[in-house]
Every structure is written in C-alpha cells, then in structure tokens.
Amino acid sequence: AAGLVQMAISRTREYSADAGGAEICGNPIWLASALEKIDNAARRGAPNEDAEANPATAHMFIINPLNGQGRDSLFSTHPATGNRISALRRIAQAMGQAAGRPWG
C-alpha cells in the first residue's frame, strides 16, 4: 500500500512541476512541445535497460522510462505524457494563450 501511495504522490508532483515550469517560463505550450519531443524520442529508442533493472529510480526521469505505461495507473510513477500535455494546454488556455504548437 505504501508503494501505491508513493507512486500517486510522484504523479501529483509531476503535474505540479509542470505547472510550476509553465509559470516560470510563461508559455506552457513550449513545455508541452518539449514533452512531446522527448516522448517521441523515447518511444523510438530501445528500452532503457538501466531503468528496467532498477524501477525504483523511474520517478527521477522526465518521461517514464519503463515499458508498458501508456496511461495514468496505480502502478506508474509518471502520469501519461499525453495527460501532462493536456494539462499544460489547459494552463495555456487559462493564461489566454493559443493552445497550438509553437513550431515544429
């Protein structure tokens, strides 16, 4: 049970960190674009063998380094990247910014 609570806290912290980063940089869409690029690169690459061997370190990564984590679940340390991007777009809309991508 403690592990589930730790993972839930980790997911909450990811959303909080994204919101804080959006506030600091002033443009949440830039962060959303960066997350998309990192996620796309991570999906193209080979599995992260070091992270798979030591899953307790997964919370230290920007994007979940473990295979098979496509959505927010009780057992994931990171929210799904798509959910983080959606949250950043909602922040951008609240700030009155266009929710489109800034550039390719």
PDB file of N, CA and C in Angstrom:
ATOM      1  N   ALA A   1       0.826  -1.194   0.000  1.00  0.00           N
ATOM      2  CA  ALA A   1       0.000   0.000   0.000  1.00  0.00           C
ATOM      3  C   ALA A   1       0.872   1.261   0.000  1.00  0.00           C
ATOM      4  N   ALA A   2       1.963   1.199   0.734  1.00  0.00           N
ATOM      5  CA  ALA A   2       2.850   2.368   0.793  1.00  0.00           C
ATOM      6  C   ALA A   2       3.421   2.683  -0.581  1.00  0.00           C
ATOM      7  N   GLY A   3       3.723   1.645  -1.348  1.00  0.00           N
ATOM      8  CA  GLY A   3       4.254   1.850  -2.701  1.00  0.00           C
ATOM      9  C   GLY A   3       3.248   2.541  -3.598  1.00  0.00           C
ATOM     10  N   LEU A   4       1.974   2.162  -3.485  1.00  0.00           N
ATOM     11  CA  LEU A   4       0.928   2.802  -4.289  1.00  0.00           C
ATOM     12  C   LEU A   4       0.795   4.275  -3.935  1.00  0.00           C
ATOM     13  N   VAL A   5       0.875   4.577  -2.649  1.00  0.00           N
ATOM     14  CA  VAL A   5       0.797   5.975  -2.211  1.00  0.00           C
ATOM     15  C   VAL A   5       1.992   6.757  -2.740  1.00  0.00           C
ATOM     16  N   GLN A   6       3.174   6.150  -2.682  1.00  0.00           N
ATOM     17  CA  GLN A   6       4.384   6.812  -3.187  1.00  0.00           C
ATOM     18  C   GLN A   6       4.254   7.107  -4.677  1.00  0.00           C
ATOM     19  N   MET A   7       3.716   6.158  -5.431  1.00  0.00           N
ATOM     20  CA  MET A   7       3.559   6.369  -6.873  1.00  0.00           C
ATOM     21  C   MET A   7       2.532   7.462  -7.162  1.00  0.00           C
ATOM     22  N   ALA A   8       1.456   7.495  -6.400  1.00  0.00           N
ATOM     23  CA  ALA A   8       0.443   8.538  -6.582  1.00  0.00           C
ATOM     24  C   ALA A   8       1.031   9.910  -6.274  1.00  0.00           C
ATOM     25  N   ILE A   9       1.828   9.996  -5.227  1.00  0.00           N
ATOM     26  CA  ILE A   9       2.477  11.261  -4.884  1.00  0.00           C
ATOM     27  C   ILE A   9       3.428  11.680  -5.997  1.00  0.00           C
ATOM     28  N   SER A  10       4.165  10.725  -6.543  1.00  0.00           N
ATOM     29  CA  SER A  10       5.092  11.020  -7.632  1.00  0.00           C
ATOM     30  C   SER A  10       4.344  11.589  -8.839  1.00  0.00           C
ATOM     31  N   ARG A  11       3.196  10.995  -9.195  1.00  0.00           N
ATOM     32  CA  ARG A  11       2.410  11.501 -10.328  1.00  0.00           C
ATOM     33  C   ARG A  11       1.919  12.916 -10.048  1.00  0.00           C
ATOM     34  N   THR A  12       1.463  13.165  -8.824  1.00  0.00           N
ATOM     35  CA  THR A  12       0.988  14.501  -8.448  1.00  0.00           C
ATOM     36  C   THR A  12       2.115  15.513  -8.540  1.00  0.00           C
ATOM     37  N   ARG A  13       3.292  15.117  -8.115  1.00  0.00           N
ATOM     38  CA  ARG A  13       4.451  16.021  -8.184  1.00  0.00           C
ATOM     39  C   ARG A  13       4.814  16.355  -9.624  1.00  0.00           C
ATOM     40  N   GLU A  14       4.644  15.405 -10.536  1.00  0.00           N
ATOM     41  CA  GLU A  14       4.932  15.670 -11.950  1.00  0.00           C
ATOM     42  C   GLU A  14       4.017  16.773 -12.473  1.00  0.00           C
ATOM     43  N   TYR A  15       2.728  16.660 -12.170  1.00  0.00           N
ATOM     44  CA  TYR A  15       1.784  17.702 -12.604  1.00  0.00           C
ATOM     45  C   TYR A  15       2.131  19.049 -11.967  1.00  0.00           C
ATOM     46  N   SER A  16       2.496  19.041 -10.688  1.00  0.00           N
ATOM     47  CA  SER A  16       2.872  20.283 -10.006  1.00  0.00           C
ATOM     48  C   SER A  16       4.131  20.888 -10.610  1.00  0.00           C
ATOM     49  N   ALA A  17       5.100  20.042 -10.932  1.00  0.00           N
ATOM     50  CA  ALA A  17       6.340  20.527 -11.547  1.00  0.00           C
ATOM     51  C   ALA A  17       6.058  21.130 -12.914  1.00  0.00           C
ATOM     52  N   ASP A  18       5.169  20.490 -13.682  1.00  0.00           N
ATOM     53  CA  ASP A  18       4.806  21.032 -14.994  1.00  0.00           C
ATOM     54  C   ASP A  18       4.135  22.397 -14.840  1.00  0.00           C
ATOM     55  N   ALA A  19       3.229  22.510 -13.887  1.00  0.00           N
ATOM     56  CA  ALA A  19       2.538  23.790 -13.670  1.00  0.00           C
ATOM     57  C   ALA A  19       3.524  24.866 -13.224  1.00  0.00           C
ATOM     58  N   GLY A  20       4.448  24.508 -12.345  1.00  0.00           N
ATOM     59  CA  GLY A  20       5.466  25.464 -11.908  1.00  0.00           C
ATOM     60  C   GLY A  20       6.373  25.889 -13.044  1.00  0.00           C
ATOM     61  N   GLY A  21       6.765  24.934 -13.871  1.00  0.00           N
ATOM     62  CA  GLY A  21       7.591  25.255 -15.033  1.00  0.00           C
ATOM     63  C   GLY A  21       6.864  26.154 -16.007  1.00  0.00           C
ATOM     64  N   ALA A  22       5.564  25.903 -16.185  1.00  0.00           N
ATOM     65  CA  ALA A  22       4.757  26.743 -17.076  1.00  0.00           C
ATOM     66  C   ALA A  22       4.699  28.168 -16.563  1.00  0.00           C
ATOM     67  N   GLU A  23       4.574  28.317 -15.259  1.00  0.00           N
ATOM     68  CA  GLU A  23       4.521  29.652 -14.660  1.00  0.00           C
ATOM     69  C   GLU A  23       5.866  30.362 -14.812  1.00  0.00           C
ATOM     70  N   ILE A  24       6.945  29.640 -14.582  1.00  0.00           N
ATOM     71  CA  ILE A  24       8.278  30.243 -14.672  1.00  0.00           C
ATOM     72  C   ILE A  24       8.598  30.678 -16.096  1.00  0.00           C
ATOM     73  N   CYS A  25       8.339  29.815 -17.072  1.00  0.00           N
ATOM     74  CA  CYS A  25       8.718  30.156 -18.450  1.00  0.00           C
ATOM     75  C   CYS A  25       7.702  31.083 -19.099  1.00  0.00           C
ATOM     76  N   GLY A  26       6.478  31.092 -18.585  1.00  0.00           N
ATOM     77  CA  GLY A  26       5.470  31.997 -19.128  1.00  0.00           C
ATOM     78  C   GLY A  26       4.735  31.471 -20.342  1.00  0.00           C
ATOM     79  N   ASN A  27       5.115  30.291 -20.840  1.00  0.00           N
ATOM     80  CA  ASN A  27       4.436  29.739 -22.001  1.00  0.00           C
ATOM     81  C   ASN A  27       4.343  28.220 -21.875  1.00  0.00           C
ATOM     82  N   PRO A  28       3.220  27.718 -21.350  1.00  0.00           N
ATOM     83  CA  PRO A  28       3.055  26.280 -21.162  1.00  0.00           C
ATOM     84  C   PRO A  28       3.158  25.479 -22.456  1.00  0.00           C
ATOM     85  N   ILE A  29       2.845  26.103 -23.591  1.00  0.00           N
ATOM     86  CA  ILE A  29       2.901  25.399 -24.862  1.00  0.00           C
ATOM     87  C   ILE A  29       4.339  24.993 -25.190  1.00  0.00           C
ATOM     88  N   TRP A  30       5.307  25.802 -24.804  1.00  0.00           N
ATOM     89  CA  TRP A  30       6.700  25.429 -25.022  1.00  0.00           C
ATOM     90  C   TRP A  30       7.015  24.133 -24.262  1.00  0.00           C
ATOM     91  N   LEU A  31       6.556  24.036 -23.015  1.00  0.00           N
ATOM     92  CA  LEU A  31       6.802  22.831 -22.235  1.00  0.00           C
ATOM     93  C   LEU A  31       6.071  21.636 -22.825  1.00  0.00           C
ATOM     94  N   ALA A  32       4.838  21.848 -23.272  1.00  0.00           N
ATOM     95  CA  ALA A  32       4.079  20.762 -23.894  1.00  0.00           C
ATOM     96  C   ALA A  32       4.810  20.253 -25.133  1.00  0.00           C
ATOM     97  N   SER A  33       5.335  21.159 -25.936  1.00  0.00           N
ATOM     98  CA  SER A  33       6.072  20.783 -27.141  1.00  0.00           C
ATOM     99  C   SER A  33       7.330  19.994 -26.781  1.00  0.00           C
ATOM    100  N   ALA A  34       8.026  20.431 -25.752  1.00  0.00           N
ATOM    101  CA  ALA A  34       9.238  19.719 -25.316  1.00  0.00           C
ATOM    102  C   ALA A  34       8.893  18.310 -24.841  1.00  0.00           C
ATOM    103  N   LEU A  35       7.812  18.171 -24.081  1.00  0.00           N
ATOM    104  CA  LEU A  35       7.397  16.845 -23.626  1.00  0.00           C
ATOM    105  C   LEU A  35       7.059  15.931 -24.802  1.00  0.00           C
ATOM    106  N   GLU A  36       6.383  16.482 -25.806  1.00  0.00           N
ATOM    107  CA  GLU A  36       6.053  15.694 -26.999  1.00  0.00           C
ATOM    108  C   GLU A  36       7.327  15.189 -27.675  1.00  0.00           C
ATOM    109  N   LYS A  37       8.309  16.063 -27.814  1.00  0.00           N
ATOM    110  CA  LYS A  37       9.557  15.688 -28.472  1.00  0.00           C
ATOM    111  C   LYS A  37      10.316  14.630 -27.673  1.00  0.00           C
ATOM    112  N   ILE A  38      10.373  14.797 -26.361  1.00  0.00           N
ATOM    113  CA  ILE A  38      11.058  13.818 -25.513  1.00  0.00           C
ATOM    114  C   ILE A  38      10.341  12.474 -25.575  1.00  0.00           C
ATOM    115  N   ASP A  39       9.008  12.513 -25.509  1.00  0.00           N
ATOM    116  CA  ASP A  39       8.224  11.282 -25.554  1.00  0.00           C
ATOM    117  C   ASP A  39       8.399  10.568 -26.890  1.00  0.00           C
ATOM    118  N   ASN A  40       8.370  11.323 -27.979  1.00  0.00           N
ATOM    119  CA  ASN A  40       8.559  10.715 -29.302  1.00  0.00           C
ATOM    120  C   ASN A  40       9.936  10.061 -29.413  1.00  0.00           C
ATOM    121  N   ALA A  41      10.956  10.723 -28.911  1.00  0.00           N
ATOM    122  CA  ALA A  41      12.309  10.159 -28.954  1.00  0.00           C
ATOM    123  C   ALA A  41      12.399   8.911 -28.079  1.00  0.00           C
ATOM    124  N   ALA A  42      11.758   8.937 -26.919  1.00  0.00           N
ATOM    125  CA  ALA A  42      11.792   7.781 -26.016  1.00  0.00           C
ATOM    126  C   ALA A  42      11.080   6.583 -26.629  1.00  0.00           C
ATOM    127  N   ARG A  43      10.007   6.830 -27.362  1.00  0.00           N
ATOM    128  CA  ARG A  43       9.257   5.725 -27.985  1.00  0.00           C
ATOM    129  C   ARG A  43      10.036   5.096 -29.141  1.00  0.00           C
ATOM    130  N   ARG A  44      10.862   5.898 -29.810  1.00  0.00           N
ATOM    131  CA  ARG A  44      11.658   5.387 -30.941  1.00  0.00           C
ATOM    132  C   ARG A  44      12.861   4.577 -30.474  1.00  0.00           C
ATOM    133  N   GLY A  45      13.344   4.876 -29.276  1.00  0.00           N
ATOM    134  CA  GLY A  45      14.562   4.240 -28.789  1.00  0.00           C
ATOM    135  C   GLY A  45      14.320   2.856 -28.222  1.00  0.00           C
ATOM    136  N   ALA A  46      15.401   2.194 -27.931  1.00  0.00           N
ATOM    137  CA  ALA A  46      15.357   0.869 -27.312  1.00  0.00           C
ATOM    138  C   ALA A  46      14.941   1.025 -25.847  1.00  0.00           C
ATOM    139  N   PRO A  47      14.436  -0.039 -25.242  1.00  0.00           N
ATOM    140  CA  PRO A  47      14.088   0.037 -23.821  1.00  0.00           C
ATOM    141  C   PRO A  47      15.285   0.478 -22.978  1.00  0.00           C
ATOM    142  N   ASN A  48      15.011   1.238 -21.949  1.00  0.00           N
ATOM    143  CA  ASN A  48      16.050   1.717 -21.048  1.00  0.00           C
ATOM    144  C   ASN A  48      16.388   0.584 -20.078  1.00  0.00           C
ATOM    145  N   GLU A  49      17.430  -0.167 -20.396  1.00  0.00           N
ATOM    146  CA  GLU A  49      17.782  -1.354 -19.611  1.00  0.00           C
ATOM    147  C   GLU A  49      18.121  -1.009 -18.160  1.00  0.00           C
ATOM    148  N   ASP A  50      18.807   0.126 -17.946  1.00  0.00           N
ATOM    149  CA  ASP A  50      19.161   0.518 -16.580  1.00  0.00           C
ATOM    150  C   ASP A  50      17.900   0.799 -15.758  1.00  0.00           C
ATOM    151  N   ALA A  51      16.951   1.495 -16.353  1.00  0.00           N
ATOM    152  CA  ALA A  51      15.712   1.799 -15.637  1.00  0.00           C
ATOM    153  C   ALA A  51      14.890   0.537 -15.400  1.00  0.00           C
ATOM    154  N   GLU A  52      14.851  -0.351 -16.388  1.00  0.00           N
ATOM    155  CA  GLU A  52      14.106  -1.603 -16.234  1.00  0.00           C
ATOM    156  C   GLU A  52      14.707  -2.456 -15.110  1.00  0.00           C
ATOM    157  N   ALA A  53      16.028  -2.426 -14.976  1.00  0.00           N
ATOM    158  CA  ALA A  53      16.694  -3.199 -13.927  1.00  0.00           C
ATOM    159  C   ALA A  53      16.507  -2.575 -12.544  1.00  0.00           C
ATOM    160  N   ASN A  54      16.259  -1.265 -12.509  1.00  0.00           N
ATOM    161  CA  ASN A  54      16.096  -0.537 -11.242  1.00  0.00           C
ATOM    162  C   ASN A  54      14.837   0.327 -11.297  1.00  0.00           C
ATOM    163  N   PRO A  55      13.639  -0.265 -11.310  1.00  0.00           N
ATOM    164  CA  PRO A  55      12.415   0.517 -11.471  1.00  0.00           C
ATOM    165  C   PRO A  55      12.175   1.533 -10.359  1.00  0.00           C
ATOM    166  N   ALA A  56      12.828   1.375  -9.224  1.00  0.00           N
ATOM    167  CA  ALA A  56      12.651   2.338  -8.133  1.00  0.00           C
ATOM    168  C   ALA A  56      13.198   3.720  -8.496  1.00  0.00           C
ATOM    169  N   THR A  57      14.019   3.797  -9.551  1.00  0.00           N
ATOM    170  CA  THR A  57      14.564   5.091  -9.971  1.00  0.00           C
ATOM    171  C   THR A  57      13.697   5.785 -11.012  1.00  0.00           C
ATOM    172  N   ALA A  58      12.602   5.172 -11.429  1.00  0.00           N
ATOM    173  CA  ALA A  58      11.770   5.715 -12.504  1.00  0.00           C
ATOM    174  C   ALA A  58      11.261   7.121 -12.202  1.00  0.00           C
ATOM    175  N   HIS A  59      11.022   7.429 -10.941  1.00  0.00           N
ATOM    176  CA  HIS A  59      10.496   8.752 -10.583  1.00  0.00           C
ATOM    177  C   HIS A  59      11.500   9.870 -10.850  1.00  0.00           C
ATOM    178  N   MET A  60      12.747   9.530 -11.095  1.00  0.00           N
ATOM    179  CA  MET A  60      13.768  10.548 -11.346  1.00  0.00           C
ATOM    180  C   MET A  60      13.861  10.972 -12.810  1.00  0.00           C
ATOM    181  N   PHE A  61      13.114  10.329 -13.680  1.00  0.00           N
ATOM    182  CA  PHE A  61      13.155  10.620 -15.111  1.00  0.00           C
ATOM    183  C   PHE A  61      12.084  11.641 -15.485  1.00  0.00           C
ATOM    184  N   ILE A  62      12.299  12.381 -16.568  1.00  0.00           N
ATOM    185  CA  ILE A  62      11.312  13.343 -17.066  1.00  0.00           C
ATOM    186  C   ILE A  62      10.119  12.599 -17.640  1.00  0.00           C
ATOM    187  N   ILE A  63      10.379  11.570 -18.405  1.00  0.00           N
ATOM    188  CA  ILE A  63       9.356  10.722 -19.017  1.00  0.00           C
ATOM    189  C   ILE A  63       9.530   9.327 -18.425  1.00  0.00           C
ATOM    190  N   ASN A  64       8.424   8.639 -18.176  1.00  0.00           N
ATOM    191  CA  ASN A  64       8.503   7.300 -17.607  1.00  0.00           C
ATOM    192  C   ASN A  64       9.421   6.422 -18.457  1.00  0.00           C
ATOM    193  N   PRO A  65      10.516   5.894 -17.875  1.00  0.00           N
ATOM    194  CA  PRO A  65      11.464   5.100 -18.648  1.00  0.00           C
ATOM    195  C   PRO A  65      11.083   3.627 -18.767  1.00  0.00           C
ATOM    196  N   LEU A  66      10.015   3.214 -18.103  1.00  0.00           N
ATOM    197  CA  LEU A  66       9.638   1.808 -18.088  1.00  0.00           C
ATOM    198  C   LEU A  66       8.656   1.498 -19.205  1.00  0.00           C
ATOM    199  N   ASN A  67       8.747   0.315 -19.773  1.00  0.00           N
ATOM    200  CA  ASN A  67       7.848  -0.101 -20.851  1.00  0.00           C
ATOM    201  C   ASN A  67       6.430  -0.319 -20.331  1.00  0.00           C
ATOM    202  N   GLY A  68       5.458  -0.181 -21.235  1.00  0.00           N
ATOM    203  CA  GLY A  68       4.089  -0.555 -20.930  1.00  0.00           C
ATOM    204  C   GLY A  68       3.304   0.423 -20.096  1.00  0.00           C
ATOM    205  N   GLN A  69       3.716   1.670 -20.008  1.00  0.00           N
ATOM    206  CA  GLN A  69       2.994   2.638 -19.192  1.00  0.00           C
ATOM    207  C   GLN A  69       2.366   3.687 -20.093  1.00  0.00           C
ATOM    208  N   GLY A  70       1.225   3.384 -20.699  1.00  0.00           N
ATOM    209  CA  GLY A  70       0.601   4.290 -21.646  1.00  0.00           C
ATOM    210  C   GLY A  70      -0.444   5.205 -21.047  1.00  0.00           C
ATOM    211  N   ARG A  71      -0.766   5.011 -19.772  1.00  0.00           N
ATOM    212  CA  ARG A  71      -1.795   5.851 -19.153  1.00  0.00           C
ATOM    213  C   ARG A  71      -1.484   5.999 -17.671  1.00  0.00           C
ATOM    214  N   ASP A  72      -2.184   6.904 -17.010  1.00  0.00           N
ATOM    215  CA  ASP A  72      -2.015   7.024 -15.571  1.00  0.00           C
ATOM    216  C   ASP A  72      -2.604   5.764 -14.943  1.00  0.00           C
ATOM    217  N   SER A  73      -1.839   5.103 -14.124  1.00  0.00           N
ATOM    218  CA  SER A  73      -2.349   3.915 -13.455  1.00  0.00           C
ATOM    219  C   SER A  73      -1.824   3.889 -12.034  1.00  0.00           C
ATOM    220  N   LEU A  74      -2.394   3.024 -11.234  1.00  0.00           N
ATOM    221  CA  LEU A  74      -1.956   2.911  -9.846  1.00  0.00           C
ATOM    222  C   LEU A  74      -0.486   2.543  -9.738  1.00  0.00           C
ATOM    223  N   PHE A  75       0.029   1.862 -10.745  1.00  0.00           N
ATOM    224  CA  PHE A  75       1.381   1.337 -10.658  1.00  0.00           C
ATOM    225  C   PHE A  75       2.405   2.154 -11.427  1.00  0.00           C
ATOM    226  N   SER A  76       2.040   3.338 -11.908  1.00  0.00           N
ATOM    227  CA  SER A  76       3.006   4.135 -12.649  1.00  0.00           C
ATOM    228  C   SER A  76       3.486   5.304 -11.794  1.00  0.00           C
ATOM    229  N   THR A  77       4.769   5.620 -11.953  1.00  0.00           N
ATOM    230  CA  THR A  77       5.358   6.733 -11.206  1.00  0.00           C
ATOM    231  C   THR A  77       5.146   8.054 -11.918  1.00  0.00           C
ATOM    232  N   HIS A  78       4.825   8.005 -13.206  1.00  0.00           N
ATOM    233  CA  HIS A  78       4.638   9.211 -14.007  1.00  0.00           C
ATOM    234  C   HIS A  78       3.238   9.211 -14.607  1.00  0.00           C
ATOM    235  N   PRO A  79       2.632  10.398 -14.691  1.00  0.00           N
ATOM    236  CA  PRO A  79       1.386  10.465 -15.448  1.00  0.00           C
ATOM    237  C   PRO A  79       1.696  10.221 -16.925  1.00  0.00           C
ATOM    238  N   ALA A  80       0.720   9.767 -17.673  1.00  0.00           N
ATOM    239  CA  ALA A  80       0.924   9.595 -19.109  1.00  0.00           C
ATOM    240  C   ALA A  80       1.312  10.943 -19.712  1.00  0.00           C
ATOM    241  N   THR A  81       2.267  10.930 -20.629  1.00  0.00           N
ATOM    242  CA  THR A  81       2.752  12.173 -21.230  1.00  0.00           C
ATOM    243  C   THR A  81       1.616  12.948 -21.885  1.00  0.00           C
ATOM    244  N   GLY A  82       0.708  12.244 -22.550  1.00  0.00           N
ATOM    245  CA  GLY A  82      -0.433  12.916 -23.172  1.00  0.00           C
ATOM    246  C   GLY A  82      -1.281  13.659 -22.151  1.00  0.00           C
ATOM    247  N   ASN A  83      -1.426  13.096 -20.960  1.00  0.00           N
ATOM    248  CA  ASN A  83      -2.182  13.771 -19.906  1.00  0.00           C
ATOM    249  C   ASN A  83      -1.449  15.012 -19.409  1.00  0.00           C
ATOM    250  N   ARG A  84      -0.128  14.928 -19.320  1.00  0.00           N
ATOM    251  CA  ARG A  84       0.657  16.093 -18.907  1.00  0.00           C
ATOM    252  C   ARG A  84       0.553  17.205 -19.949  1.00  0.00           C
ATOM    253  N   ILE A  85       0.603  16.828 -21.228  1.00  0.00           N
ATOM    254  CA  ILE A  85       0.498  17.810 -22.309  1.00  0.00           C
ATOM    255  C   ILE A  85      -0.884  18.461 -22.283  1.00  0.00           C
ATOM    256  N   SER A  86      -1.924  17.671 -22.072  1.00  0.00           N
ATOM    257  CA  SER A  86      -3.287  18.220 -21.984  1.00  0.00           C
ATOM    258  C   SER A  86      -3.409  19.200 -20.827  1.00  0.00           C
ATOM    259  N   ALA A  87      -2.814  18.854 -19.695  1.00  0.00           N
ATOM    260  CA  ALA A  87      -2.854  19.755 -18.537  1.00  0.00           C
ATOM    261  C   ALA A  87      -2.133  21.067 -18.844  1.00  0.00           C
ATOM    262  N   LEU A  88      -1.000  20.997 -19.533  1.00  0.00           N
ATOM    263  CA  LEU A  88      -0.274  22.216 -19.902  1.00  0.00           C
ATOM    264  C   LEU A  88      -1.083  23.056 -20.886  1.00  0.00           C
ATOM    265  N   ARG A  89      -1.794  22.416 -21.787  1.00  0.00           N
ATOM    266  CA  ARG A  89      -2.640  23.165 -22.735  1.00  0.00           C
ATOM    267  C   ARG A  89      -3.799  23.852 -22.002  1.00  0.00           C
ATOM    268  N   ARG A  90      -4.344  23.191 -20.987  1.00  0.00           N
ATOM    269  CA  ARG A  90      -5.399  23.838 -20.191  1.00  0.00           C
ATOM    270  C   ARG A  90      -4.846  25.054 -19.443  1.00  0.00           C
ATOM    271  N   ILE A  91      -3.621  24.939 -18.946  1.00  0.00           N
ATOM    272  CA  ILE A  91      -2.983  26.084 -18.277  1.00  0.00           C
ATOM    273  C   ILE A  91      -2.793  27.217 -19.280  1.00  0.00           C
ATOM    274  N   ALA A  92      -2.360  26.880 -20.488  1.00  0.00           N
ATOM    275  CA  ALA A  92      -2.162  27.901 -21.528  1.00  0.00           C
ATOM    276  C   ALA A  92      -3.480  28.600 -21.836  1.00  0.00           C
ATOM    277  N   GLN A  93      -4.567  27.847 -21.942  1.00  0.00           N
ATOM    278  CA  GLN A  93      -5.868  28.457 -22.208  1.00  0.00           C
ATOM    279  C   GLN A  93      -6.276  29.375 -21.063  1.00  0.00           C
ATOM    280  N   ALA A  94      -6.009  28.949 -19.835  1.00  0.00           N
ATOM    281  CA  ALA A  94      -6.327  29.791 -18.679  1.00  0.00           C
ATOM    282  C   ALA A  94      -5.499  31.078 -18.689  1.00  0.00           C
ATOM    283  N   MET A  95      -4.296  30.991 -19.262  1.00  0.00           N
ATOM    284  CA  MET A  95      -3.427  32.172 -19.359  1.00  0.00           C
ATOM    285  C   MET A  95      -3.765  33.007 -20.591  1.00  0.00           C
ATOM    286  N   GLY A  96      -4.711  32.531 -21.406  1.00  0.00           N
ATOM    287  CA  GLY A  96      -5.110  33.275 -22.600  1.00  0.00           C
ATOM    288  C   GLY A  96      -4.199  33.077 -23.780  1.00  0.00           C
ATOM    289  N   GLN A  97      -3.442  31.971 -23.796  1.00  0.00           N
ATOM    290  CA  GLN A  97      -2.532  31.704 -24.904  1.00  0.00           C
ATOM    291  C   GLN A  97      -3.146  30.675 -25.831  1.00  0.00           C
ATOM    292  N   ALA A  98      -2.767  30.733 -27.076  1.00  0.00           N
ATOM    293  CA  ALA A  98      -3.220  29.738 -28.047  1.00  0.00           C
ATOM    294  C   ALA A  98      -2.656  28.381 -27.657  1.00  0.00           C
ATOM    295  N   ALA A  99      -3.458  27.341 -27.811  1.00  0.00           N
ATOM    296  CA  ALA A  99      -3.031  26.002 -27.395  1.00  0.00           C
ATOM    297  C   ALA A  99      -2.367  25.221 -28.530  1.00  0.00           C
ATOM    298  N   GLY A 100      -2.035  25.880 -29.629  1.00  0.00           N
ATOM    299  CA  GLY A 100      -1.363  25.189 -30.735  1.00  0.00           C
ATOM    300  C   GLY A 100       0.106  24.997 -30.442  1.00  0.00           C
ATOM    301  N   ARG A 101       0.775  24.265 -31.325  1.00  0.00           N
ATOM    302  CA  ARG A 101       2.207  24.049 -31.165  1.00  0.00           C
ATOM    303  C   ARG A 101       2.965  25.301 -31.605  1.00  0.00           C
ATOM    304  N   PRO A 102       4.007  25.716 -30.891  1.00  0.00           N
ATOM    305  CA  PRO A 102       4.737  26.938 -31.219  1.00  0.00           C
ATOM    306  C   PRO A 102       5.501  26.838 -32.529  1.00  0.00           C
ATOM    307  N   TRP A 103       6.107  25.696 -32.781  1.00  0.00           N
ATOM    308  CA  TRP A 103       6.840  25.456 -34.013  1.00  0.00           C
ATOM    309  C   TRP A 103       7.149  23.982 -34.062  1.00  0.00           C
ATOM    310  N   GLY A 104       7.543  23.478 -35.234  1.00  0.00           N
ATOM    311  CA  GLY A 104       7.804  22.060 -35.482  1.00  0.00           C
ATOM    312  C   GLY A 104       8.740  21.459 -34.557  1.00  0.00           C
TER     313      GLY A 104
END
